[in-house]
């Protein structure tokens, strides 16, 4: 199992929900953090909390629907002079839920793809060559299990596209110590999941991060957090390595 103590991780959407819980979990294990949110003020609380756990941490801001903003954030991260070994592309947006889905506007797709597909891809393209050069890296892209709901067409399509990018890109590093996988928290009571979701956000831990700690050189997997419910991190990692195979 990977020891993350002293390593640096970038977590997008770290101000609340699953991203916030992920940041706390990683900090508890000694991982230094770069915490992204739309505005620096959003991460003030989590930044203070993770630093209190004894790790180093920075906050960065970017509007993920704006590619210039994403590029500016990446340049700022580079200027920190730290080696980013771990990326958790957690941030996502559900634009709308449309019962009259035959009137779904094109903007549902364009905005969803900017935030849920293009921004994570740009982040991967930026850091992946450095990970390959260093011989180590972990990238986890948060996807969704939503299926057969045209009411959420833009969101679902953007996550399906992220799945495709992740699996295709993962094939280029499969068998190495740079691993790219998908993670899915399940339907949780977050701002995105809504108050009617059956699961507490805490139920996604440790499954949502198991791909960071796995050490079996397999990429392209769909690591569904509910499969690891109630397990210790060690148990979850062992299950992921034992039962989840690469699709190649």
C-alpha atoms as a PDB file:
ATOM      1  CA  UNK A   1       0.000   0.000   0.000  1.00  0.00           C
ATOM      2  CA  UNK A   2       1.292   3.451  -0.903  1.00  0.00           C
ATOM      3  CA  UNK A   3       2.563   5.625   1.930  1.00  0.00           C
ATOM      4  CA  UNK A   4       1.404   9.187   1.220  1.00  0.00           C
ATOM      5  CA  UNK A   5       3.229  10.813   4.119  1.00  0.00           C
ATOM      6  CA  UNK A   6       5.168  13.812   2.831  1.00  0.00           C
ATOM      7  CA  UNK A   7       3.782  13.549  -0.704  1.00  0.00           C
ATOM      8  CA  UNK A   8       1.768  16.323  -2.332  1.00  0.00           C
ATOM      9  CA  UNK A   9      -1.801  15.889  -3.576  1.00  0.00           C
ATOM     10  CA  UNK A  10      -4.021  18.209  -5.595  1.00  0.00           C
ATOM     11  CA  UNK A  11      -7.700  17.883  -4.714  1.00  0.00           C
ATOM     12  CA  UNK A  12     -10.217  19.809  -6.797  1.00  0.00           C
ATOM     13  CA  UNK A  13     -13.503  20.790  -5.228  1.00  0.00           C
ATOM     14  CA  UNK A  14     -11.953  20.520  -1.772  1.00  0.00           C
ATOM     15  CA  UNK A  15     -14.118  23.076   0.011  1.00  0.00           C
ATOM     16  CA  UNK A  16     -17.097  20.865   0.760  1.00  0.00           C
ATOM     17  CA  UNK A  17     -18.726  17.464   0.462  1.00  0.00           C
ATOM     18  CA  UNK A  18     -16.623  14.559  -0.749  1.00  0.00           C
ATOM     19  CA  UNK A  19     -13.645  16.799  -1.553  1.00  0.00           C
ATOM     20  CA  UNK A  20     -13.584  18.194   1.981  1.00  0.00           C
ATOM     21  CA  UNK A  21     -13.741  14.702   3.528  1.00  0.00           C
ATOM     22  CA  UNK A  22     -11.016  13.513   1.164  1.00  0.00           C
ATOM     23  CA  UNK A  23      -8.754  16.391   2.170  1.00  0.00           C
ATOM     24  CA  UNK A  24      -9.179  15.610   5.862  1.00  0.00           C
ATOM     25  CA  UNK A  25      -8.594  11.880   5.288  1.00  0.00           C
ATOM     26  CA  UNK A  26      -5.405  12.483   3.327  1.00  0.00           C
ATOM     27  CA  UNK A  27      -4.074  15.003   5.844  1.00  0.00           C
ATOM     28  CA  UNK A  28      -4.647  12.522   8.657  1.00  0.00           C
ATOM     29  CA  UNK A  29      -2.220  10.255   6.830  1.00  0.00           C
ATOM     30  CA  UNK A  30       0.443  12.910   6.513  1.00  0.00           C
ATOM     31  CA  UNK A  31      -0.210  13.980   2.924  1.00  0.00           C
ATOM     32  CA  UNK A  32       0.534  17.598   2.001  1.00  0.00           C
ATOM     33  CA  UNK A  33      -2.291  19.234   0.089  1.00  0.00           C
ATOM     34  CA  UNK A  34      -3.098  21.711  -2.645  1.00  0.00           C
ATOM     35  CA  UNK A  35      -6.765  22.514  -2.175  1.00  0.00           C
ATOM     36  CA  UNK A  36      -8.773  23.869  -5.099  1.00  0.00           C
ATOM     37  CA  UNK A  37     -12.067  25.708  -4.992  1.00  0.00           C
ATOM     38  CA  UNK A  38     -13.751  28.369  -7.080  1.00  0.00           C
ATOM     39  CA  UNK A  39     -12.765  31.063  -4.561  1.00  0.00           C
ATOM     40  CA  UNK A  40      -9.982  31.058  -1.976  1.00  0.00           C
ATOM     41  CA  UNK A  41     -12.470  32.069   0.703  1.00  0.00           C
ATOM     42  CA  UNK A  42     -14.283  28.747   0.220  1.00  0.00           C
ATOM     43  CA  UNK A  43     -11.294  26.701   1.384  1.00  0.00           C
ATOM     44  CA  UNK A  44     -10.373  28.787   4.435  1.00  0.00           C
ATOM     45  CA  UNK A  45     -11.962  26.303   6.849  1.00  0.00           C
ATOM     46  CA  UNK A  46     -10.488  23.118   5.406  1.00  0.00           C
ATOM     47  CA  UNK A  47      -7.084  24.779   4.917  1.00  0.00           C
ATOM     48  CA  UNK A  48      -6.962  25.648   8.610  1.00  0.00           C
ATOM     49  CA  UNK A  49      -8.130  22.175   9.625  1.00  0.00           C
ATOM     50  CA  UNK A  50      -5.597  20.228   7.572  1.00  0.00           C
ATOM     51  CA  UNK A  51      -2.724  22.439   8.684  1.00  0.00           C
ATOM     52  CA  UNK A  52      -3.756  21.754  12.275  1.00  0.00           C
ATOM     53  CA  UNK A  53      -3.117  18.077  11.497  1.00  0.00           C
ATOM     54  CA  UNK A  54       0.531  18.881  10.886  1.00  0.00           C
ATOM     55  CA  UNK A  55       0.742  18.870   7.076  1.00  0.00           C
ATOM     56  CA  UNK A  56       1.681  21.597   4.638  1.00  0.00           C
ATOM     57  CA  UNK A  57      -1.146  22.972   2.521  1.00  0.00           C
ATOM     58  CA  UNK A  58      -1.923  25.641  -0.045  1.00  0.00           C
ATOM     59  CA  UNK A  59      -5.191  26.882  -1.466  1.00  0.00           C
ATOM     60  CA  UNK A  60      -5.683  27.717  -5.142  1.00  0.00           C
ATOM     61  CA  UNK A  61      -8.708  28.994  -7.009  1.00  0.00           C
ATOM     62  CA  UNK A  62     -10.057  28.423 -10.497  1.00  0.00           C
ATOM     63  CA  UNK A  63     -13.379  28.500 -12.253  1.00  0.00           C
ATOM     64  CA  UNK A  64     -13.205  25.149 -14.016  1.00  0.00           C
ATOM     65  CA  UNK A  65     -15.568  26.252 -16.781  1.00  0.00           C
ATOM     66  CA  UNK A  66     -12.951  28.846 -17.796  1.00  0.00           C
ATOM     67  CA  UNK A  67      -9.873  27.264 -19.396  1.00  0.00           C
ATOM     68  CA  UNK A  68      -7.804  30.423 -18.863  1.00  0.00           C
ATOM     69  CA  UNK A  69      -8.588  30.212 -15.159  1.00  0.00           C
ATOM     70  CA  UNK A  70      -7.527  26.553 -15.087  1.00  0.00           C
ATOM     71  CA  UNK A  71      -4.249  27.350 -16.842  1.00  0.00           C
ATOM     72  CA  UNK A  72      -3.581  30.190 -14.410  1.00  0.00           C
ATOM     73  CA  UNK A  73      -4.131  27.791 -11.496  1.00  0.00           C
ATOM     74  CA  UNK A  74      -1.710  25.254 -12.977  1.00  0.00           C
ATOM     75  CA  UNK A  75       0.984  27.914 -13.371  1.00  0.00           C
ATOM     76  CA  UNK A  76       0.451  28.939  -9.750  1.00  0.00           C
ATOM     77  CA  UNK A  77       0.845  25.322  -8.616  1.00  0.00           C
ATOM     78  CA  UNK A  78       4.060  25.027 -10.637  1.00  0.00           C
ATOM     79  CA  UNK A  79       5.378  28.147  -8.924  1.00  0.00           C
ATOM     80  CA  UNK A  80       5.011  26.488  -5.516  1.00  0.00           C
ATOM     81  CA  UNK A  81       8.035  24.340  -6.300  1.00  0.00           C
ATOM     82  CA  UNK A  82       6.523  21.111  -5.019  1.00  0.00           C
ATOM     83  CA  UNK A  83       6.236  17.719  -6.713  1.00  0.00           C
ATOM     84  CA  UNK A  84       2.592  16.786  -7.216  1.00  0.00           C
ATOM     85  CA  UNK A  85       2.362  12.993  -7.044  1.00  0.00           C
ATOM     86  CA  UNK A  86      -1.362  12.582  -6.448  1.00  0.00           C
ATOM     87  CA  UNK A  87      -4.346  14.130  -8.215  1.00  0.00           C
ATOM     88  CA  UNK A  88      -7.957  13.723  -7.206  1.00  0.00           C
ATOM     89  CA  UNK A  89     -10.200  15.349  -9.792  1.00  0.00           C
ATOM     90  CA  UNK A  90     -13.174  15.526  -7.474  1.00  0.00           C
ATOM     91  CA  UNK A  91     -14.899  18.749  -8.549  1.00  0.00           C
ATOM     92  CA  UNK A  92     -18.015  18.384 -10.657  1.00  0.00           C
ATOM     93  CA  UNK A  93     -21.225  20.149 -11.548  1.00  0.00           C
ATOM     94  CA  UNK A  94     -24.737  19.005 -12.331  1.00  0.00           C
ATOM     95  CA  UNK A  95     -26.198  21.799 -14.430  1.00  0.00           C
ATOM     96  CA  UNK A  96     -29.876  20.846 -14.248  1.00  0.00           C
ATOM     97  CA  UNK A  97     -32.433  18.093 -13.794  1.00  0.00           C
ATOM     98  CA  UNK A  98     -34.977  18.428 -16.603  1.00  0.00           C
ATOM     99  CA  UNK A  99     -38.184  16.410 -16.561  1.00  0.00           C
ATOM    100  CA  UNK A 100     -39.028  17.964 -19.919  1.00  0.00           C
ATOM    101  CA  UNK A 101     -35.806  16.571 -21.323  1.00  0.00           C
ATOM    102  CA  UNK A 102     -36.811  17.030 -24.962  1.00  0.00           C
ATOM    103  CA  UNK A 103     -36.135  20.711 -24.318  1.00  0.00           C
ATOM    104  CA  UNK A 104     -32.630  20.174 -22.968  1.00  0.00           C
ATOM    105  CA  UNK A 105     -30.595  23.196 -24.149  1.00  0.00           C
ATOM    106  CA  UNK A 106     -27.192  22.820 -25.753  1.00  0.00           C
ATOM    107  CA  UNK A 107     -25.712  24.798 -22.859  1.00  0.00           C
ATOM    108  CA  UNK A 108     -26.371  21.840 -20.524  1.00  0.00           C
ATOM    109  CA  UNK A 109     -23.812  19.908 -22.563  1.00  0.00           C
ATOM    110  CA  UNK A 110     -21.280  22.656 -23.164  1.00  0.00           C
ATOM    111  CA  UNK A 111     -21.127  23.768 -19.519  1.00  0.00           C
ATOM    112  CA  UNK A 112     -21.099  20.203 -18.186  1.00  0.00           C
ATOM    113  CA  UNK A 113     -18.265  19.193 -20.496  1.00  0.00           C
ATOM    114  CA  UNK A 114     -16.144  22.206 -19.568  1.00  0.00           C
ATOM    115  CA  UNK A 115     -16.291  21.428 -15.844  1.00  0.00           C
ATOM    116  CA  UNK A 116     -16.659  17.652 -15.715  1.00  0.00           C
ATOM    117  CA  UNK A 117     -14.546  16.574 -18.690  1.00  0.00           C
ATOM    118  CA  UNK A 118     -12.257  19.217 -20.155  1.00  0.00           C
ATOM    119  CA  UNK A 119     -10.897  20.681 -16.907  1.00  0.00           C
ATOM    120  CA  UNK A 120      -9.932  17.278 -15.458  1.00  0.00           C
ATOM    121  CA  UNK A 121      -8.346  16.343 -18.791  1.00  0.00           C
ATOM    122  CA  UNK A 122      -6.258  19.532 -18.891  1.00  0.00           C
ATOM    123  CA  UNK A 123      -5.109  18.907 -15.318  1.00  0.00           C
ATOM    124  CA  UNK A 124      -4.103  15.348 -16.224  1.00  0.00           C
ATOM    125  CA  UNK A 125      -2.242  16.445 -19.345  1.00  0.00           C
ATOM    126  CA  UNK A 126      -0.327  18.994 -17.291  1.00  0.00           C
ATOM    127  CA  UNK A 127       0.904  16.671 -14.543  1.00  0.00           C
ATOM    128  CA  UNK A 128       1.077  13.269 -16.219  1.00  0.00           C
ATOM    129  CA  UNK A 129       4.377  13.779 -18.119  1.00  0.00           C
ATOM    130  CA  UNK A 130       6.055  14.802 -14.855  1.00  0.00           C
ATOM    131  CA  UNK A 131       4.675  11.727 -13.110  1.00  0.00           C
ATOM    132  CA  UNK A 132       5.998   9.487 -15.879  1.00  0.00           C
ATOM    133  CA  UNK A 133       9.396  11.166 -15.677  1.00  0.00           C
ATOM    134  CA  UNK A 134       9.447  10.707 -11.890  1.00  0.00           C
ATOM    135  CA  UNK A 135       8.298   7.093 -12.146  1.00  0.00           C
ATOM    136  CA  UNK A 136       5.384   7.547  -9.772  1.00  0.00           C
ATOM    137  CA  UNK A 137       1.921   9.071  -9.762  1.00  0.00           C
ATOM    138  CA  UNK A 138      -1.724   8.485  -8.963  1.00  0.00           C
ATOM    139  CA  UNK A 139      -4.679  10.132 -10.711  1.00  0.00           C
ATOM    140  CA  UNK A 140      -8.262   9.534  -9.639  1.00  0.00           C
ATOM    141  CA  UNK A 141     -11.104  10.969 -11.704  1.00  0.00           C
ATOM    142  CA  UNK A 142     -14.508  11.120 -10.046  1.00  0.00           C
ATOM    143  CA  UNK A 143     -17.219   9.714 -12.248  1.00  0.00           C
ATOM    144  CA  UNK A 144     -20.903   8.883 -11.756  1.00  0.00           C
ATOM    145  CA  UNK A 145     -22.994   5.751 -11.885  1.00  0.00           C
ATOM    146  CA  UNK A 146     -26.025   7.608 -13.247  1.00  0.00           C
ATOM    147  CA  UNK A 147     -27.548   5.677 -16.127  1.00  0.00           C
ATOM    148  CA  UNK A 148     -30.790   5.795 -18.122  1.00  0.00           C
ATOM    149  CA  UNK A 149     -31.758   9.279 -16.936  1.00  0.00           C
ATOM    150  CA  UNK A 150     -32.168  11.652 -19.860  1.00  0.00           C
ATOM    151  CA  UNK A 151     -33.205  14.245 -17.286  1.00  0.00           C
ATOM    152  CA  UNK A 152     -29.485  14.623 -16.523  1.00  0.00           C
ATOM    153  CA  UNK A 153     -28.204  14.229 -20.060  1.00  0.00           C
ATOM    154  CA  UNK A 154     -25.479  16.872 -19.955  1.00  0.00           C
ATOM    155  CA  UNK A 155     -24.046  15.638 -16.669  1.00  0.00           C
ATOM    156  CA  UNK A 156     -24.217  11.965 -17.618  1.00  0.00           C
ATOM    157  CA  UNK A 157     -22.648  12.521 -21.012  1.00  0.00           C
ATOM    158  CA  UNK A 158     -19.803  14.567 -19.559  1.00  0.00           C
ATOM    159  CA  UNK A 159     -19.008  11.854 -17.024  1.00  0.00           C
ATOM    160  CA  UNK A 160     -19.163   9.166 -19.718  1.00  0.00           C
ATOM    161  CA  UNK A 161     -16.655  11.198 -21.714  1.00  0.00           C
ATOM    162  CA  UNK A 162     -14.415  11.461 -18.646  1.00  0.00           C
ATOM    163  CA  UNK A 163     -14.604   7.682 -18.288  1.00  0.00           C
ATOM    164  CA  UNK A 164     -13.470   7.281 -21.892  1.00  0.00           C
ATOM    165  CA  UNK A 165     -10.551   9.687 -21.502  1.00  0.00           C
ATOM    166  CA  UNK A 166      -9.468   8.026 -18.258  1.00  0.00           C
ATOM    167  CA  UNK A 167      -9.537   4.510 -19.662  1.00  0.00           C
ATOM    168  CA  UNK A 168      -7.795   5.476 -22.902  1.00  0.00           C
ATOM    169  CA  UNK A 169      -5.100   7.497 -21.134  1.00  0.00           C
ATOM    170  CA  UNK A 170      -4.706   4.811 -18.496  1.00  0.00           C
ATOM    171  CA  UNK A 171      -3.754   2.321 -21.186  1.00  0.00           C
ATOM    172  CA  UNK A 172      -0.576   4.302 -21.862  1.00  0.00           C
ATOM    173  CA  UNK A 173       0.737   3.820 -18.310  1.00  0.00           C
ATOM    174  CA  UNK A 174      -0.818   0.480 -17.344  1.00  0.00           C
ATOM    175  CA  UNK A 175       1.785  -1.770 -15.765  1.00  0.00           C
ATOM    176  CA  UNK A 176       3.807   1.156 -14.435  1.00  0.00           C
ATOM    177  CA  UNK A 177       3.831   2.949 -11.101  1.00  0.00           C
ATOM    178  CA  UNK A 178       1.789   5.770 -12.612  1.00  0.00           C
ATOM    179  CA  UNK A 179      -1.835   4.745 -12.163  1.00  0.00           C
ATOM    180  CA  UNK A 180      -4.968   6.429 -13.559  1.00  0.00           C
ATOM    181  CA  UNK A 181      -8.326   5.177 -12.344  1.00  0.00           C
ATOM    182  CA  UNK A 182     -11.949   6.167 -11.903  1.00  0.00           C
ATOM    183  CA  UNK A 183     -13.720   6.555  -8.588  1.00  0.00           C
ATOM    184  CA  UNK A 184     -17.411   6.947  -7.794  1.00  0.00           C
ATOM    185  CA  UNK A 185     -18.651   8.044  -4.359  1.00  0.00           C
ATOM    186  CA  UNK A 186     -22.165   6.716  -4.931  1.00  0.00           C
ATOM    187  CA  UNK A 187     -25.305   8.777  -4.398  1.00  0.00           C
ATOM    188  CA  UNK A 188     -24.499  10.872  -1.341  1.00  0.00           C
ATOM    189  CA  UNK A 189     -26.215  13.749   0.427  1.00  0.00           C
ATOM    190  CA  UNK A 190     -23.958  16.502  -0.914  1.00  0.00           C
ATOM    191  CA  UNK A 191     -24.791  19.752  -2.676  1.00  0.00           C
ATOM    192  CA  UNK A 192     -24.617  17.820  -5.940  1.00  0.00           C
ATOM    193  CA  UNK A 193     -26.403  14.666  -4.737  1.00  0.00           C
ATOM    194  CA  UNK A 194     -29.154  16.547  -2.946  1.00  0.00           C
ATOM    195  CA  UNK A 195     -30.888  15.948   0.409  1.00  0.00           C
ATOM    196  CA  UNK A 196     -32.827  12.892  -0.806  1.00  0.00           C
ATOM    197  CA  UNK A 197     -29.734  10.807  -1.536  1.00  0.00           C
ATOM    198  CA  UNK A 198     -29.635   7.560   0.480  1.00  0.00           C
ATOM    199  CA  UNK A 199     -26.020   7.771   1.619  1.00  0.00           C
ATOM    200  CA  UNK A 200     -24.126  10.067   3.959  1.00  0.00           C
ATOM    201  CA  UNK A 201     -21.011  11.611   2.410  1.00  0.00           C
ATOM    202  CA  UNK A 202     -18.914   9.795   5.007  1.00  0.00           C
ATOM    203  CA  UNK A 203     -19.964   6.472   3.444  1.00  0.00           C
ATOM    204  CA  UNK A 204     -17.655   7.245   0.492  1.00  0.00           C
ATOM    205  CA  UNK A 205     -14.588   6.950   2.729  1.00  0.00           C
ATOM    206  CA  UNK A 206     -12.279   5.057   2.266  1.00  0.00           C
ATOM    207  CA  UNK A 207     -13.531   3.843  -1.131  1.00  0.00           C
ATOM    208  CA  UNK A 208     -13.297   7.224  -2.790  1.00  0.00           C
ATOM    209  CA  UNK A 209      -9.505   7.304  -2.270  1.00  0.00           C
ATOM    210  CA  UNK A 210      -8.619   3.617  -2.578  1.00  0.00           C
ATOM    211  CA  UNK A 211      -7.073   4.183  -6.010  1.00  0.00           C
ATOM    212  CA  UNK A 212      -4.501   6.545  -4.493  1.00  0.00           C
ATOM    213  CA  UNK A 213      -3.260   3.914  -2.077  1.00  0.00           C
ATOM    214  CA  UNK A 214      -3.394   0.889  -4.396  1.00  0.00           C
ATOM    215  CA  UNK A 215       0.042  -0.289  -5.466  1.00  0.00           C
ATOM    216  CA  UNK A 216      -0.557  -2.917  -8.145  1.00  0.00           C
ATOM    217  CA  UNK A 217       0.241  -0.940 -11.331  1.00  0.00           C
ATOM    218  CA  UNK A 218      -3.284  -1.336 -12.763  1.00  0.00           C
ATOM    219  CA  UNK A 219      -5.046   1.550 -14.505  1.00  0.00           C
ATOM    220  CA  UNK A 220      -8.413   2.138 -16.127  1.00  0.00           C
ATOM    221  CA  UNK A 221     -10.504   0.618 -13.335  1.00  0.00           C
ATOM    222  CA  UNK A 222     -13.871   1.775 -12.015  1.00  0.00           C
ATOM    223  CA  UNK A 223     -13.489   1.768  -8.243  1.00  0.00           C
ATOM    224  CA  UNK A 224     -16.988   2.205  -6.850  1.00  0.00           C
ATOM    225  CA  UNK A 225     -16.771   3.534  -3.294  1.00  0.00           C
ATOM    226  CA  UNK A 226     -19.869   1.690  -1.960  1.00  0.00           C
ATOM    227  CA  UNK A 227     -18.078  -1.619  -2.612  1.00  0.00           C
ATOM    228  CA  UNK A 228     -15.663  -0.673   0.159  1.00  0.00           C
ATOM    229  CA  UNK A 229     -18.182   0.542   2.708  1.00  0.00           C
ATOM    230  CA  UNK A 230     -17.338  -0.119   6.343  1.00  0.00           C
ATOM    231  CA  UNK A 231     -13.807  -1.302   5.575  1.00  0.00           C
ATOM    232  CA  UNK A 232     -10.533  -0.024   6.910  1.00  0.00           C
ATOM    233  CA  UNK A 233      -8.230   1.557   4.347  1.00  0.00           C
ATOM    234  CA  UNK A 234      -6.012  -1.522   4.421  1.00  0.00           C
ATOM    235  CA  UNK A 235      -8.979  -3.822   3.792  1.00  0.00           C
ATOM    236  CA  UNK A 236     -10.254  -1.614   0.975  1.00  0.00           C
ATOM    237  CA  UNK A 237      -6.881  -1.506  -0.776  1.00  0.00           C
ATOM    238  CA  UNK A 238      -6.521  -5.278  -0.519  1.00  0.00           C
ATOM    239  CA  UNK A 239     -10.006  -5.742  -2.018  1.00  0.00           C
ATOM    240  CA  UNK A 240      -9.294  -3.319  -4.866  1.00  0.00           C
ATOM    241  CA  UNK A 241      -6.046  -5.051  -5.747  1.00  0.00           C
ATOM    242  CA  UNK A 242      -7.581  -8.508  -5.467  1.00  0.00           C
ATOM    243  CA  UNK A 243     -10.922  -8.040  -7.209  1.00  0.00           C
ATOM    244  CA  UNK A 244     -10.638  -5.132  -9.653  1.00  0.00           C
ATOM    245  CA  UNK A 245      -8.805  -5.739 -12.909  1.00  0.00           C
ATOM    246  CA  UNK A 246      -7.693  -3.345 -15.632  1.00  0.00           C
ATOM    247  CA  UNK A 247      -9.942  -3.343 -18.711  1.00  0.00           C
ATOM    248  CA  UNK A 248      -7.050  -3.837 -21.154  1.00  0.00           C
END
